[in-house]
Protein backbone atom coordinates (compact mmCIF):
# COMPACT_ATOMS: atom_id res chain seq x y z
CA MET A 1 344.05 40.78 248.24
CA THR A 2 342.89 42.56 245.09
CA ALA A 3 339.93 44.02 247.01
CA LEU A 4 342.20 45.35 249.74
CA LYS A 5 344.42 46.95 247.11
CA MET A 6 341.38 48.76 245.67
CA VAL A 7 340.66 50.23 249.12
CA ALA A 8 344.23 51.43 249.39
CA ASP A 9 344.02 52.88 245.89
CA ASN A 10 341.31 55.31 247.06
CA GLY A 11 343.98 57.68 248.32
CA PRO A 12 347.74 58.34 248.27
CA VAL A 13 349.72 55.71 250.17
CA ASP A 14 353.32 55.08 251.04
CA PRO A 15 354.36 52.16 248.78
CA SER A 16 356.94 51.07 251.31
CA LEU A 17 354.20 50.23 253.87
CA PRO A 18 352.44 46.86 253.83
CA LEU A 19 348.86 47.13 252.52
CA ARG A 20 347.25 45.91 255.76
CA GLN A 21 349.20 48.49 257.77
CA ILE A 22 347.96 51.22 255.41
CA LEU A 23 344.36 50.11 255.88
CA GLN A 24 344.73 50.11 259.65
CA THR A 25 345.81 53.77 259.61
CA LEU A 26 342.74 54.99 257.72
CA ASN A 27 340.51 57.42 259.62
CA TYR A 28 337.35 55.65 258.43
CA GLY A 29 336.11 52.11 258.83
CA VAL A 30 336.75 49.55 256.12
CA ALA A 31 335.66 45.94 255.94
CA LEU A 32 335.31 43.17 253.36
CA VAL A 33 332.37 40.80 253.74
CA ASP A 34 331.09 37.75 251.92
CA SER A 35 328.13 38.80 249.76
CA LYS A 36 326.29 35.51 250.42
CA THR A 37 326.77 34.96 254.15
CA TRP A 38 327.65 38.54 255.23
CA GLN A 39 330.63 37.06 257.10
CA VAL A 40 333.32 39.68 257.77
CA ILE A 41 336.51 38.65 255.94
CA PHE A 42 338.65 41.63 256.82
CA GLU A 43 338.24 44.79 258.90
CA ASN A 44 340.50 47.64 259.94
CA ALA A 45 340.84 48.99 263.48
CA LYS A 46 338.32 51.81 263.02
CA PHE A 47 335.63 49.40 261.79
CA PHE A 48 336.36 47.08 264.71
CA GLN A 49 336.08 50.04 267.14
CA TRP A 50 332.73 51.15 265.74
CA PHE A 51 331.23 47.67 265.19
CA PRO A 52 332.83 45.16 267.56
CA PRO A 53 331.84 41.47 267.30
CA THR A 54 328.87 40.29 269.33
CA ALA A 55 329.33 38.74 272.76
CA ASP A 56 329.20 35.33 271.06
CA GLY A 57 332.03 36.34 268.78
CA ASP A 58 329.78 36.32 265.72
CA ASP A 59 331.41 38.14 262.78
CA LYS A 60 328.38 38.49 260.54
CA LEU A 61 327.74 42.01 259.29
CA ASP A 62 323.97 41.83 259.78
CA LEU A 63 324.55 41.15 263.49
CA ARG A 64 327.26 43.77 264.02
CA LEU A 65 325.82 46.66 261.99
CA PRO A 66 322.80 48.36 263.71
CA GLY A 67 319.80 48.75 261.43
CA PHE A 68 321.37 46.76 258.60
CA LYS A 69 318.71 45.40 256.20
CA ALA A 70 320.29 42.34 254.68
CA GLU A 71 317.48 41.57 252.21
CA ARG A 72 317.44 45.08 250.83
CA ALA A 73 321.24 45.15 250.62
CA THR A 74 321.27 41.80 248.77
CA ASP A 75 318.65 43.05 246.30
CA ARG A 76 320.50 46.27 245.52
CA ILE A 77 323.91 44.65 245.28
CA SER A 78 322.57 41.90 242.98
CA ARG A 79 321.44 44.67 240.61
CA GLY A 80 324.84 46.36 240.76
CA ARG A 81 323.58 49.25 242.84
CA PRO A 82 325.19 50.48 246.08
CA TYR A 83 323.50 50.15 249.45
CA THR A 84 323.73 53.07 251.87
CA GLN A 85 322.43 53.77 255.35
CA GLU A 86 323.17 55.90 258.39
CA CYS A 87 323.43 54.83 261.99
CA ASN A 88 324.76 55.98 265.34
CA VAL A 89 327.32 54.13 267.43
CA LYS A 90 328.54 54.71 270.95
CA VAL A 91 332.21 55.57 271.36
CA GLY A 92 332.73 56.03 275.06
CA ALA A 93 330.12 58.55 276.21
CA ARG A 94 329.76 60.06 272.75
CA SER A 95 327.31 59.08 270.03
CA VAL A 96 328.94 59.10 266.60
CA PRO A 97 326.80 59.41 263.44
CA LEU A 98 328.10 57.22 260.63
CA SER A 99 327.46 56.83 256.91
CA ILE A 100 327.62 53.23 255.67
CA ASP A 101 328.25 52.39 251.99
CA LEU A 102 328.30 48.86 250.56
CA LYS A 103 329.39 48.04 247.03
CA VAL A 104 330.55 44.93 245.19
CA LEU A 105 334.17 44.67 244.17
CA ASN A 106 333.62 43.23 240.71
CA ASP A 107 337.23 42.28 240.11
CA SER A 108 337.45 40.18 243.26
CA ALA A 109 337.35 36.45 242.77
CA ASP A 110 334.60 35.89 245.30
CA ALA A 111 332.61 39.09 244.54
CA SER A 112 333.28 40.39 248.01
CA VAL A 113 331.43 43.44 249.29
CA LEU A 114 333.36 46.49 250.39
CA VAL A 115 331.94 48.27 253.43
CA GLU A 116 333.05 51.86 254.01
CA CYS A 117 332.04 53.72 257.18
CA ARG A 118 332.62 57.46 257.52
CA ASP A 119 332.20 59.72 260.55
CA LEU A 120 329.46 62.31 259.86
CA SER A 121 330.04 64.35 263.03
CA LYS A 122 331.45 67.41 261.26
CA GLN A 123 328.77 67.24 258.57
CA LYS A 124 326.01 66.92 261.17
CA GLU A 125 327.48 69.80 263.17
CA ALA A 126 327.51 71.94 260.03
CA GLU A 127 323.92 70.94 259.25
CA TYR A 128 322.89 71.72 262.84
CA MET A 129 324.60 75.10 262.71
CA LEU A 130 322.94 75.85 259.37
CA ALA A 131 319.54 74.81 260.74
CA SER A 132 320.13 76.87 263.90
CA TYR A 133 321.14 79.87 261.81
CA SER A 134 318.07 79.41 259.61
CA THR A 135 315.82 79.18 262.67
CA MET A 136 317.47 82.23 264.19
CA SER A 137 317.11 84.13 260.91
CA GLU A 138 313.43 83.24 260.69
CA LYS A 139 312.90 84.32 264.30
CA HIS A 140 314.75 87.56 263.61
CA ALA A 141 312.57 88.14 260.53
CA ARG A 142 309.43 87.49 262.59
CA ASP A 143 310.64 89.86 265.30
CA LEU A 144 311.34 92.54 262.70
CA GLN A 145 307.88 92.03 261.19
CA ARG A 146 306.25 92.32 264.61
CA GLU A 147 308.23 95.48 265.35
CA LYS A 148 307.28 96.90 261.97
CA GLU A 149 303.61 96.19 262.65
CA ARG A 150 303.89 97.74 266.12
CA VAL A 151 305.46 100.91 264.69
CA GLU A 152 302.80 101.01 261.98
CA ARG A 153 300.04 100.78 264.59
CA LEU A 154 301.63 103.60 266.59
CA LEU A 155 301.95 105.81 263.51
CA LEU A 156 298.37 105.10 262.48
CA ASN A 157 297.33 106.42 265.88
CA VAL A 158 298.76 109.83 265.03
CA MET A 159 298.05 110.09 261.29
CA PRO A 160 295.52 108.78 258.74
CA ARG A 161 296.49 105.68 256.75
CA SER A 162 296.75 107.51 253.41
CA VAL A 163 299.17 110.00 254.96
CA TYR A 164 301.14 107.16 256.54
CA GLU A 165 301.40 105.39 253.16
CA GLU A 166 302.69 108.61 251.57
CA MET A 167 305.24 109.06 254.36
CA LYS A 168 306.38 105.44 254.00
CA GLU A 169 306.82 105.70 250.23
CA PHE A 170 308.27 109.20 249.87
CA GLY A 171 309.58 110.03 253.36
CA THR A 172 307.44 113.17 253.51
CA SER A 173 303.83 114.30 253.29
CA THR A 174 302.52 117.18 251.19
CA PRO A 175 300.15 119.63 252.95
CA GLN A 176 296.69 119.46 251.38
CA LYS A 177 294.01 122.10 251.08
CA PHE A 178 290.41 120.94 251.39
CA ASP A 179 287.75 123.28 250.09
CA CYS A 180 285.11 121.84 252.38
CA ALA A 181 285.31 119.36 255.23
CA SER A 182 283.48 119.01 258.55
CA VAL A 183 285.14 119.32 261.93
CA LEU A 184 283.78 118.14 265.29
CA MET A 185 285.02 119.59 268.57
CA LEU A 186 283.92 118.01 271.86
CA ASP A 187 284.67 119.13 275.41
CA PHE A 188 283.41 117.98 278.80
CA VAL A 189 281.59 120.22 281.26
CA ASN A 190 283.40 120.92 284.56
CA PHE A 191 286.20 118.48 283.77
CA THR A 192 288.75 120.54 285.73
CA GLU A 193 286.67 120.30 288.90
CA MET A 194 286.18 116.56 288.30
CA ALA A 195 289.93 116.05 287.88
CA VAL A 196 290.71 117.83 291.16
CA SER A 197 288.00 116.16 293.24
CA GLN A 198 288.20 112.60 291.86
CA ASP A 199 290.88 109.93 292.00
CA PRO A 200 293.15 110.86 289.03
CA SER A 201 293.80 107.27 287.95
CA ALA A 202 290.14 106.31 287.97
CA LEU A 203 289.14 109.51 286.19
CA ILE A 204 291.72 109.09 283.42
CA SER A 205 290.72 105.44 283.05
CA GLU A 206 287.10 106.53 282.48
CA LEU A 207 288.19 109.21 280.03
CA ASN A 208 290.24 106.64 278.14
CA ASP A 209 287.21 104.32 277.91
CA ILE A 210 285.06 107.17 276.58
CA PHE A 211 287.60 108.32 274.00
CA SER A 212 288.12 104.71 272.86
CA ALA A 213 284.36 104.46 272.27
CA PHE A 214 284.46 107.78 270.37
CA ASP A 215 287.25 106.38 268.18
CA ARG A 216 285.12 103.35 267.27
CA ILE A 217 282.14 105.58 266.46
CA SER A 218 284.29 107.86 264.27
CA GLU A 219 285.72 104.90 262.42
CA MET A 220 282.23 103.52 261.72
CA PHE A 221 281.44 106.58 259.59
CA GLY A 222 284.81 107.07 257.93
CA CYS A 223 285.85 109.97 260.14
CA GLU A 224 289.34 110.55 261.53
CA ARG A 225 290.16 111.38 265.11
CA ILE A 226 292.75 114.13 264.78
CA LYS A 227 293.77 114.56 268.41
CA THR A 228 292.75 114.80 272.03
CA ILE A 229 293.90 117.64 274.26
CA GLY A 230 293.06 116.98 277.88
CA ASP A 231 289.31 116.37 277.81
CA ALA A 232 288.88 117.82 274.30
CA TYR A 233 288.28 115.54 271.33
CA MET A 234 288.64 116.60 267.68
CA ALA A 235 287.45 114.58 264.69
CA VAL A 236 287.13 115.41 261.01
CA SER A 237 285.25 114.05 258.00
CA GLY A 238 286.41 114.57 254.42
CA VAL A 239 290.10 114.62 255.38
CA PRO A 240 292.43 113.27 254.10
CA GLU A 241 290.01 111.24 251.93
CA ARG A 242 287.64 113.69 250.29
CA ASN A 243 283.99 112.79 250.85
CA SER A 244 280.90 114.60 249.65
CA ASP A 245 278.97 113.22 252.66
CA HIS A 246 281.37 114.73 255.19
CA ALA A 247 278.72 116.86 256.94
CA ARG A 248 276.21 114.01 257.25
CA ASN A 249 278.88 111.62 258.50
CA ILE A 250 280.14 113.99 261.19
CA ALA A 251 276.55 114.69 262.28
CA LYS A 252 275.92 110.94 262.71
CA VAL A 253 279.11 110.66 264.75
CA ALA A 254 278.08 113.56 267.02
CA LEU A 255 274.61 112.09 267.68
CA ARG A 256 276.05 108.68 268.52
CA MET A 257 278.68 110.17 270.83
CA ARG A 258 275.94 111.95 272.75
CA ARG A 259 273.79 108.81 272.81
CA TYR A 260 276.74 106.79 274.12
CA LEU A 261 277.24 109.26 276.99
CA GLU A 262 273.53 109.27 277.83
CA LYS A 263 273.52 105.47 278.14
CA ARG A 264 276.77 105.49 280.08
CA ASN A 265 275.53 108.13 282.51
CA ALA A 266 272.41 106.07 283.15
CA ALA A 267 274.55 103.14 284.26
CA HIS A 268 277.37 104.97 286.11
CA PRO A 269 277.46 107.24 289.14
CA GLU A 270 279.90 109.63 287.46
CA GLN A 271 278.10 111.91 285.00
CA TRP A 272 279.97 112.98 281.88
CA LEU A 273 278.32 115.94 280.17
CA CYS A 274 279.72 117.14 276.86
CA ARG A 275 279.41 120.13 274.57
CA ILE A 276 279.81 119.50 270.84
CA GLY A 277 280.43 122.00 268.08
CA ILE A 278 280.44 121.25 264.34
CA ASN A 279 281.49 123.39 261.42
CA SER A 280 281.95 122.79 257.71
CA GLY A 281 284.42 124.81 255.73
CA PRO A 282 287.86 125.03 254.14
CA LEU A 283 290.91 123.75 255.98
CA ILE A 284 294.47 122.45 255.51
CA GLY A 285 295.73 119.04 256.62
CA SER A 286 299.41 118.32 257.13
CA ILE A 287 302.03 116.44 259.10
CA VAL A 288 303.58 118.65 261.78
CA GLY A 289 306.88 118.00 263.51
CA VAL A 290 310.24 116.45 262.63
CA GLN A 291 311.10 114.10 265.48
CA LYS A 292 307.56 113.63 266.81
CA TYR A 293 305.08 113.40 264.00
CA VAL A 294 301.46 114.45 264.35
CA TYR A 295 298.82 115.00 261.70
CA ASP A 296 296.87 118.20 262.31
CA ILE A 297 294.32 120.42 260.58
CA PHE A 298 294.34 124.21 260.35
CA GLY A 299 292.27 127.04 259.01
CA PRO A 300 289.06 128.99 259.60
CA GLY A 301 286.96 125.83 259.46
CA VAL A 302 288.77 124.44 262.52
CA ASN A 303 288.59 127.72 264.45
CA LEU A 304 284.88 128.09 263.82
CA ALA A 305 284.21 124.53 265.02
CA ALA A 306 285.95 125.43 268.28
CA ARG A 307 283.73 128.52 268.55
CA MET A 308 280.64 126.35 267.98
CA GLU A 309 281.67 124.14 270.90
CA THR A 310 281.95 127.12 273.25
CA PHE A 311 278.45 128.29 272.21
CA SER A 312 276.98 124.83 272.83
CA GLU A 313 274.97 123.93 275.95
CA PRO A 314 275.73 120.74 277.95
CA MET A 315 274.72 117.64 275.96
CA HIS A 316 273.85 119.78 272.96
CA ILE A 317 275.34 119.79 269.46
CA THR A 318 275.74 123.24 267.91
CA LEU A 319 276.10 123.79 264.17
CA CYS A 320 277.00 126.77 262.05
CA GLU A 321 274.70 127.71 259.18
CA GLU A 322 276.93 126.17 256.50
CA THR A 323 276.78 122.72 258.12
CA TYR A 324 273.03 123.11 258.64
CA ASN A 325 272.52 123.82 254.94
CA LEU A 326 274.39 120.61 254.06
CA ILE A 327 272.38 118.30 256.36
CA ALA A 328 268.99 120.01 256.71
CA ASP A 329 267.18 117.45 254.53
CA ASP A 330 268.36 114.45 256.55
CA PHE A 331 268.54 115.71 260.15
CA ILE A 332 266.30 117.46 262.65
CA CYS A 333 267.74 120.80 263.69
CA SER A 334 266.37 123.71 265.76
CA ALA A 335 267.37 127.32 265.12
CA ARG A 336 269.06 129.11 268.00
CA GLY A 337 269.24 132.52 266.37
CA GLU A 338 272.06 134.79 265.32
CA PHE A 339 275.13 135.18 267.50
CA GLU A 340 278.21 137.36 267.31
CA VAL A 341 281.15 134.98 266.98
CA LYS A 342 284.61 136.35 267.70
CA GLY A 343 286.64 136.64 264.51
CA PHE A 344 283.71 135.67 262.29
CA GLY A 345 281.01 138.25 262.92
CA ALA A 346 277.28 137.46 263.14
CA ILE A 347 276.50 133.79 262.43
CA ARG A 348 273.22 131.91 262.61
CA LEU A 349 273.51 128.84 264.85
CA TYR A 350 271.48 125.64 265.06
CA ASP A 351 271.17 122.71 267.46
CA LEU A 352 271.34 119.21 266.01
CA GLU A 353 268.51 117.12 267.51
CA GLY A 354 268.46 113.87 265.56
CA GLU A 355 268.13 112.11 262.21
CA VAL A 356 265.04 112.20 260.03
CA SER A 357 263.19 108.87 260.10
CA ARG A 358 262.39 107.65 256.62
CA ALA A 359 259.74 105.02 255.97
CA ARG A 360 260.95 102.01 254.05
């Protein structure tokens, strides 16, 4: 009975109650077994409920306890170490997770083994809730990251990356003056008549395809698409990242835009004819708006590029003299003569024909 007293000594008991009665009231399973035969010597009601005897009435622990590894338990106990395992038992329709601990009662005459079985339901529920919360937190973090990336993509559609990074870090963007940058203005011939006579959805779908191709071309040469207004497309080189090759880059973009349209027109019934104007000069770049941000460029350089576009013939690229002087060594241009440009006076204009082929 010494072993049973040790079990009772694990917690406060009423000394007036018989020891066996105390053990039967415990909310966890307790049993004493023979360390050599694993025969159950004593068990309380909870242990009996969780691990009833076999149909043959066999009381051996290795037959009653699911997953019990007798050899491993014997080895550990012989070295004075506890044996632990977990298992699940059926109580009615419910599966109850249990923790099993075996240890030798050294002061018992027969070196009996004490078996303690505790219900892990609350612990498992807490672990499940913690795991669920962790999974939910990770999903929430992934959703936030995806939303952040989506917002970033949207903002990068309306402003250059360097401006976006400045806005993200400081909450504002400082207007910048550029002494010389190159601006491209493109417009389509007779677009208004096309929009009225054609199916609007199909027409806008084609325009979207064309502008998407223009975006890819601009990106290839480090240029920024500033905006589209109806059928007008504006791109700039040398803003917001200053670039000494701005004029050459914008000229390459213009030639490839025209080439793209020529190839497209050859394969499609709908003919898209553009006019392109290019100018190089001073301008200012800045974020405009408070609730709806847009990056825009201003100044004489922008206005003159728009004038160049209006002077251009269909599928031609018109340059002002300043841009011509910057690219003359690398591109083929033809002089158009001197024209009176509103707000700028007499200006010599050129048509951009192509790039100079250089032998390797």
